[in-house]
Amino acid sequence: MTGLRDTWKRHKRNIKKIYFDKNATIEQMLQNRPNEIPEVQFRQLIEYWNDEDVQAMGQLNSENRKKQKWRHRMGPINFARVCVALRAIKENNEEPSKSEMFITTRTKKGNEVHTDTQVAIVSHAAI
């Protein structure tokens, strides 16, 4: 289900990226609509994308993503599952520390870690 959700989100993002132009009129975008989307539905989609509230929400989300300093690398795996896995590894089944959660959720085997994140991990390990 997660794979299907991610594929659907990626498809919607690509449709908007290719066929939506905030400077074009609705009629211009309708002339260039994808064949797999009926005209009535595509018109509704354009109206939704043009809605001021939707655009404001998208702008706010974009600004908030830019503010994130150390993004986690867990994908769809939530922190509760990571916490349970870390707890199972420990001898006395104790809760993992915040630093253990930070390191686990920001590193990924075989991939480089973001520079800022690596600095934070190394500086915390030195303490």
N, C-alpha and C. Protein backbone atom coordinates (compact mmCIF):
# COMPACT_ATOMS: atom_id res chain seq x y z
N MET A 1 0.82 -1.20 0.00
CA MET A 1 0.00 0.00 0.00
C MET A 1 0.87 1.26 0.00
N THR A 2 1.98 1.19 0.73
CA THR A 2 2.87 2.35 0.79
C THR A 2 3.45 2.67 -0.59
N GLY A 3 3.85 1.62 -1.29
CA GLY A 3 4.39 1.82 -2.63
C GLY A 3 3.37 2.42 -3.57
N LEU A 4 2.13 1.95 -3.46
CA LEU A 4 1.06 2.49 -4.29
C LEU A 4 0.81 3.96 -3.97
N ARG A 5 0.79 4.29 -2.67
CA ARG A 5 0.59 5.68 -2.25
C ARG A 5 1.70 6.58 -2.80
N ASP A 6 2.94 6.12 -2.66
CA ASP A 6 4.07 6.93 -3.12
C ASP A 6 4.04 7.13 -4.64
N THR A 7 3.66 6.07 -5.36
CA THR A 7 3.57 6.16 -6.82
C THR A 7 2.48 7.15 -7.23
N TRP A 8 1.35 7.10 -6.53
CA TRP A 8 0.25 8.01 -6.83
C TRP A 8 0.65 9.46 -6.55
N LYS A 9 1.33 9.70 -5.43
CA LYS A 9 1.79 11.06 -5.11
C LYS A 9 2.78 11.57 -6.16
N ARG A 10 3.68 10.70 -6.58
CA ARG A 10 4.67 11.08 -7.59
C ARG A 10 3.97 11.39 -8.92
N HIS A 11 2.95 10.60 -9.26
CA HIS A 11 2.20 10.82 -10.51
C HIS A 11 1.49 12.18 -10.46
N LYS A 12 0.84 12.50 -9.34
CA LYS A 12 0.15 13.79 -9.21
C LYS A 12 1.14 14.94 -9.30
N ARG A 13 2.30 14.78 -8.66
CA ARG A 13 3.32 15.83 -8.70
C ARG A 13 3.80 16.06 -10.14
N ASN A 14 4.01 14.96 -10.87
CA ASN A 14 4.47 15.08 -12.25
C ASN A 14 3.42 15.73 -13.15
N ILE A 15 2.15 15.38 -12.94
CA ILE A 15 1.07 16.00 -13.72
C ILE A 15 1.07 17.51 -13.50
N LYS A 16 1.17 17.92 -12.25
CA LYS A 16 1.16 19.36 -11.96
C LYS A 16 2.39 20.04 -12.54
N LYS A 17 3.53 19.39 -12.42
CA LYS A 17 4.78 19.98 -12.91
C LYS A 17 4.75 20.18 -14.42
N ILE A 18 4.17 19.23 -15.13
CA ILE A 18 4.17 19.28 -16.60
C ILE A 18 3.03 20.15 -17.14
N TYR A 19 1.84 20.04 -16.57
CA TYR A 19 0.66 20.63 -17.20
C TYR A 19 0.10 21.88 -16.52
N PHE A 20 0.62 22.26 -15.37
CA PHE A 20 0.10 23.43 -14.70
C PHE A 20 1.07 24.58 -14.82
N ASP A 21 0.55 25.71 -15.28
CA ASP A 21 1.34 26.95 -15.39
C ASP A 21 0.50 28.07 -14.78
N LYS A 22 0.95 28.61 -13.67
CA LYS A 22 0.13 29.61 -12.97
C LYS A 22 -0.04 30.89 -13.78
N ASN A 23 0.78 31.09 -14.81
CA ASN A 23 0.67 32.28 -15.65
C ASN A 23 -0.24 32.07 -16.86
N ALA A 24 -0.61 30.82 -17.13
CA ALA A 24 -1.47 30.51 -18.28
C ALA A 24 -2.93 30.56 -17.87
N THR A 25 -3.80 30.72 -18.86
CA THR A 25 -5.24 30.70 -18.58
C THR A 25 -5.70 29.25 -18.49
N ILE A 26 -6.90 29.08 -17.93
CA ILE A 26 -7.46 27.73 -17.83
C ILE A 26 -7.63 27.12 -19.21
N GLU A 27 -8.08 27.91 -20.17
CA GLU A 27 -8.29 27.40 -21.53
C GLU A 27 -6.97 26.94 -22.15
N GLN A 28 -5.91 27.68 -21.92
CA GLN A 28 -4.60 27.27 -22.46
C GLN A 28 -4.15 25.96 -21.85
N MET A 29 -4.35 25.80 -20.54
CA MET A 29 -3.94 24.55 -19.89
C MET A 29 -4.82 23.39 -20.33
N LEU A 30 -6.11 23.66 -20.58
CA LEU A 30 -7.00 22.60 -21.04
C LEU A 30 -6.61 22.10 -22.42
N GLN A 31 -6.10 22.97 -23.27
CA GLN A 31 -5.65 22.56 -24.60
C GLN A 31 -4.46 21.63 -24.52
N ASN A 32 -3.69 21.74 -23.46
CA ASN A 32 -2.47 20.95 -23.30
C ASN A 32 -2.65 19.84 -22.26
N ARG A 33 -3.90 19.49 -21.92
CA ARG A 33 -4.15 18.51 -20.86
C ARG A 33 -3.72 17.11 -21.28
N PRO A 34 -3.39 16.26 -20.29
CA PRO A 34 -3.04 14.87 -20.60
C PRO A 34 -4.29 14.10 -21.06
N ASN A 35 -4.12 13.20 -22.00
CA ASN A 35 -5.24 12.46 -22.58
C ASN A 35 -5.94 11.56 -21.57
N GLU A 36 -5.21 11.06 -20.56
CA GLU A 36 -5.81 10.13 -19.61
C GLU A 36 -6.71 10.80 -18.58
N ILE A 37 -6.73 12.13 -18.53
CA ILE A 37 -7.58 12.85 -17.59
C ILE A 37 -8.70 13.53 -18.37
N PRO A 38 -9.97 13.20 -18.05
CA PRO A 38 -11.09 13.86 -18.74
C PRO A 38 -11.05 15.38 -18.52
N GLU A 39 -11.57 16.11 -19.50
CA GLU A 39 -11.51 17.57 -19.46
C GLU A 39 -12.18 18.14 -18.21
N VAL A 40 -13.33 17.59 -17.84
CA VAL A 40 -14.06 18.09 -16.67
C VAL A 40 -13.21 17.93 -15.40
N GLN A 41 -12.59 16.78 -15.25
CA GLN A 41 -11.75 16.54 -14.07
C GLN A 41 -10.51 17.41 -14.09
N PHE A 42 -9.91 17.59 -15.26
CA PHE A 42 -8.71 18.41 -15.34
C PHE A 42 -9.04 19.87 -15.03
N ARG A 43 -10.22 20.34 -15.46
CA ARG A 43 -10.65 21.70 -15.14
C ARG A 43 -10.77 21.87 -13.62
N GLN A 44 -11.36 20.87 -12.95
CA GLN A 44 -11.49 20.92 -11.50
C GLN A 44 -10.12 20.92 -10.83
N LEU A 45 -9.20 20.15 -11.38
CA LEU A 45 -7.85 20.09 -10.84
C LEU A 45 -7.14 21.44 -10.98
N ILE A 46 -7.29 22.08 -12.13
CA ILE A 46 -6.69 23.40 -12.35
C ILE A 46 -7.28 24.41 -11.38
N GLU A 47 -8.60 24.37 -11.20
CA GLU A 47 -9.25 25.29 -10.27
C GLU A 47 -8.76 25.06 -8.85
N TYR A 48 -8.54 23.79 -8.49
CA TYR A 48 -8.01 23.47 -7.16
C TYR A 48 -6.60 24.04 -7.01
N TRP A 49 -5.75 23.82 -8.00
CA TRP A 49 -4.37 24.32 -7.93
C TRP A 49 -4.32 25.84 -7.90
N ASN A 50 -5.31 26.50 -8.53
CA ASN A 50 -5.36 27.97 -8.56
C ASN A 50 -5.95 28.57 -7.29
N ASP A 51 -6.58 27.76 -6.47
CA ASP A 51 -7.22 28.26 -5.25
C ASP A 51 -6.18 28.93 -4.35
N GLU A 52 -6.52 30.10 -3.83
CA GLU A 52 -5.58 30.87 -3.01
C GLU A 52 -5.18 30.11 -1.74
N ASP A 53 -6.14 29.44 -1.11
CA ASP A 53 -5.83 28.69 0.11
C ASP A 53 -4.85 27.54 -0.17
N VAL A 54 -5.05 26.86 -1.29
CA VAL A 54 -4.18 25.74 -1.67
C VAL A 54 -2.77 26.25 -1.97
N GLN A 55 -2.69 27.37 -2.68
CA GLN A 55 -1.38 27.94 -2.99
C GLN A 55 -0.68 28.43 -1.73
N ALA A 56 -1.44 29.02 -0.81
CA ALA A 56 -0.84 29.49 0.45
C ALA A 56 -0.33 28.30 1.27
N MET A 57 -1.11 27.21 1.30
CA MET A 57 -0.68 26.01 2.02
C MET A 57 0.59 25.43 1.40
N GLY A 58 0.65 25.38 0.07
CA GLY A 58 1.84 24.88 -0.61
C GLY A 58 3.06 25.73 -0.34
N GLN A 59 2.86 27.05 -0.32
CA GLN A 59 3.96 27.97 -0.02
C GLN A 59 4.47 27.78 1.39
N LEU A 60 3.55 27.64 2.34
CA LEU A 60 3.91 27.43 3.74
C LEU A 60 4.67 26.11 3.91
N ASN A 61 4.18 25.05 3.26
CA ASN A 61 4.85 23.75 3.34
C ASN A 61 6.27 23.84 2.76
N SER A 62 6.41 24.56 1.66
CA SER A 62 7.72 24.71 1.03
C SER A 62 8.69 25.45 1.97
N GLU A 63 8.20 26.51 2.59
CA GLU A 63 9.05 27.27 3.53
C GLU A 63 9.44 26.42 4.74
N ASN A 64 8.50 25.64 5.25
CA ASN A 64 8.80 24.79 6.40
C ASN A 64 9.82 23.71 6.07
N ARG A 65 9.73 23.13 4.87
CA ARG A 65 10.72 22.12 4.46
C ARG A 65 12.12 22.73 4.38
N LYS A 66 12.20 23.98 3.92
CA LYS A 66 13.51 24.64 3.81
C LYS A 66 14.12 24.92 5.18
N LYS A 67 13.28 25.06 6.21
CA LYS A 67 13.77 25.33 7.56
C LYS A 67 14.31 24.09 8.26
N GLN A 68 13.96 22.91 7.78
CA GLN A 68 14.40 21.70 8.45
C GLN A 68 15.91 21.59 8.38
N LYS A 69 16.51 21.41 9.53
CA LYS A 69 17.96 21.38 9.59
C LYS A 69 18.50 19.96 9.37
N TRP A 70 17.95 19.00 10.07
CA TRP A 70 18.43 17.62 9.97
C TRP A 70 17.25 16.73 9.61
N ARG A 71 17.07 16.46 8.34
CA ARG A 71 15.93 15.66 7.90
C ARG A 71 16.19 14.18 8.16
N HIS A 72 15.15 13.48 8.59
CA HIS A 72 15.31 12.05 8.84
C HIS A 72 15.34 11.30 7.51
N ARG A 73 15.85 10.08 7.53
CA ARG A 73 16.03 9.30 6.31
C ARG A 73 15.32 7.96 6.42
N MET A 74 14.20 7.93 7.12
CA MET A 74 13.50 6.67 7.37
C MET A 74 12.41 6.39 6.34
N GLY A 75 12.09 7.35 5.49
CA GLY A 75 11.01 7.14 4.53
C GLY A 75 9.69 6.94 5.25
N PRO A 76 8.94 5.91 4.88
CA PRO A 76 7.62 5.71 5.48
C PRO A 76 7.65 5.05 6.85
N ILE A 77 8.82 4.64 7.34
CA ILE A 77 8.91 3.98 8.63
C ILE A 77 8.80 5.03 9.73
N ASN A 78 7.82 4.87 10.62
CA ASN A 78 7.64 5.89 11.65
C ASN A 78 8.59 5.67 12.82
N PHE A 79 8.73 6.72 13.62
CA PHE A 79 9.68 6.70 14.73
C PHE A 79 9.31 5.67 15.80
N ALA A 80 8.04 5.40 15.97
CA ALA A 80 7.62 4.41 16.97
C ALA A 80 8.17 3.02 16.62
N ARG A 81 8.16 2.67 15.35
CA ARG A 81 8.71 1.38 14.93
C ARG A 81 10.22 1.32 15.16
N VAL A 82 10.90 2.43 14.91
CA VAL A 82 12.34 2.50 15.14
C VAL A 82 12.63 2.35 16.64
N CYS A 83 11.83 3.01 17.45
CA CYS A 83 11.99 2.94 18.91
C CYS A 83 11.82 1.50 19.40
N VAL A 84 10.81 0.80 18.89
CA VAL A 84 10.57 -0.60 19.29
C VAL A 84 11.76 -1.47 18.87
N ALA A 85 12.29 -1.25 17.67
CA ALA A 85 13.42 -2.03 17.18
C ALA A 85 14.66 -1.79 18.04
N LEU A 86 14.91 -0.53 18.40
CA LEU A 86 16.07 -0.22 19.24
C LEU A 86 15.90 -0.80 20.64
N ARG A 87 14.69 -0.75 21.16
CA ARG A 87 14.42 -1.30 22.49
C ARG A 87 14.65 -2.81 22.50
N ALA A 88 14.29 -3.48 21.43
CA ALA A 88 14.46 -4.94 21.36
C ALA A 88 15.94 -5.35 21.35
N ILE A 89 16.80 -4.49 20.85
CA ILE A 89 18.24 -4.77 20.79
C ILE A 89 18.87 -4.71 22.17
N LYS A 90 18.34 -3.84 23.05
CA LYS A 90 18.94 -3.64 24.37
C LYS A 90 18.64 -4.82 25.30
N GLU A 91 19.57 -5.05 26.21
CA GLU A 91 19.45 -6.18 27.14
C GLU A 91 18.24 -6.07 28.05
N ASN A 92 18.04 -4.92 28.66
CA ASN A 92 16.97 -4.76 29.65
C ASN A 92 15.72 -4.09 29.07
N ASN A 93 15.60 -4.04 27.73
CA ASN A 93 14.41 -3.54 27.04
C ASN A 93 14.09 -2.09 27.41
N GLU A 94 15.13 -1.28 27.66
CA GLU A 94 14.92 0.12 28.04
C GLU A 94 14.71 0.98 26.80
N GLU A 95 14.13 2.15 27.03
CA GLU A 95 13.87 3.11 25.96
C GLU A 95 15.19 3.62 25.38
N PRO A 96 15.26 3.78 24.05
CA PRO A 96 16.47 4.37 23.47
C PRO A 96 16.55 5.86 23.81
N SER A 97 17.76 6.37 23.90
CA SER A 97 17.94 7.79 24.20
C SER A 97 17.60 8.62 22.96
N LYS A 98 17.45 9.92 23.17
CA LYS A 98 17.17 10.82 22.05
C LYS A 98 18.31 10.80 21.04
N SER A 99 19.53 10.71 21.55
CA SER A 99 20.68 10.71 20.63
C SER A 99 20.70 9.42 19.80
N GLU A 100 20.35 8.29 20.41
CA GLU A 100 20.29 7.03 19.65
C GLU A 100 19.22 7.11 18.56
N MET A 101 18.08 7.69 18.90
CA MET A 101 17.01 7.86 17.91
C MET A 101 17.46 8.80 16.79
N PHE A 102 18.14 9.89 17.15
CA PHE A 102 18.61 10.85 16.16
C PHE A 102 19.56 10.17 15.17
N ILE A 103 20.55 9.47 15.70
CA ILE A 103 21.55 8.83 14.85
C ILE A 103 20.92 7.76 13.97
N THR A 104 20.04 6.95 14.54
CA THR A 104 19.41 5.87 13.79
C THR A 104 18.52 6.40 12.67
N THR A 105 17.80 7.46 12.93
CA THR A 105 16.87 7.98 11.93
C THR A 105 17.51 8.88 10.89
N ARG A 106 18.76 9.26 11.10
CA ARG A 106 19.42 10.14 10.14
C ARG A 106 20.56 9.49 9.38
N THR A 107 20.83 8.24 9.63
CA THR A 107 21.87 7.54 8.88
C THR A 107 21.22 6.40 8.10
N LYS A 108 21.86 6.04 7.01
CA LYS A 108 21.33 4.99 6.17
C LYS A 108 22.51 4.20 5.62
N LYS A 109 22.44 2.89 5.71
CA LYS A 109 23.56 2.07 5.26
C LYS A 109 23.79 2.26 3.76
N GLY A 110 25.05 2.44 3.40
CA GLY A 110 25.43 2.55 2.00
C GLY A 110 25.26 3.93 1.40
N ASN A 111 24.67 4.86 2.12
CA ASN A 111 24.48 6.22 1.60
C ASN A 111 25.21 7.22 2.47
N GLU A 112 25.60 8.31 1.84
CA GLU A 112 26.24 9.38 2.61
C GLU A 112 25.22 10.09 3.47
N VAL A 113 25.68 10.61 4.58
CA VAL A 113 24.83 11.39 5.47
C VAL A 113 25.06 12.86 5.13
N HIS A 114 24.01 13.67 5.22
CA HIS A 114 24.16 15.10 4.96
C HIS A 114 25.25 15.67 5.86
N THR A 115 25.99 16.63 5.36
CA THR A 115 27.13 17.20 6.07
C THR A 115 26.72 17.76 7.43
N ASP A 116 25.65 18.54 7.47
CA ASP A 116 25.21 19.13 8.74
C ASP A 116 24.84 18.04 9.74
N THR A 117 24.20 17.00 9.26
CA THR A 117 23.80 15.90 10.14
C THR A 117 25.03 15.17 10.66
N GLN A 118 25.99 14.94 9.80
CA GLN A 118 27.22 14.25 10.21
C GLN A 118 27.95 15.06 11.27
N VAL A 119 27.99 16.37 11.11
CA VAL A 119 28.65 17.24 12.11
C VAL A 119 27.92 17.12 13.44
N ALA A 120 26.59 17.13 13.42
CA ALA A 120 25.81 17.02 14.66
C ALA A 120 26.04 15.67 15.33
N ILE A 121 26.13 14.60 14.55
CA ILE A 121 26.35 13.27 15.11
C ILE A 121 27.74 13.18 15.74
N VAL A 122 28.75 13.67 15.03
CA VAL A 122 30.11 13.62 15.54
C VAL A 122 30.27 14.49 16.77
N SER A 123 29.68 15.68 16.76
CA SER A 123 29.80 16.56 17.92
C SER A 123 29.09 15.98 19.13
N HIS A 124 27.99 15.28 18.91
CA HIS A 124 27.27 14.66 20.02
C HIS A 124 28.06 13.45 20.57
N ALA A 125 28.70 12.73 19.67
CA ALA A 125 29.48 11.56 20.11
C ALA A 125 30.68 12.00 20.93
N ALA A 126 31.17 13.21 20.68
CA ALA A 126 32.34 13.70 21.43
C ALA A 126 31.98 14.10 22.85
N ILE A 127 30.70 14.34 23.10
CA ILE A 127 30.27 14.79 24.43
C ILE A 127 30.30 13.68 25.44
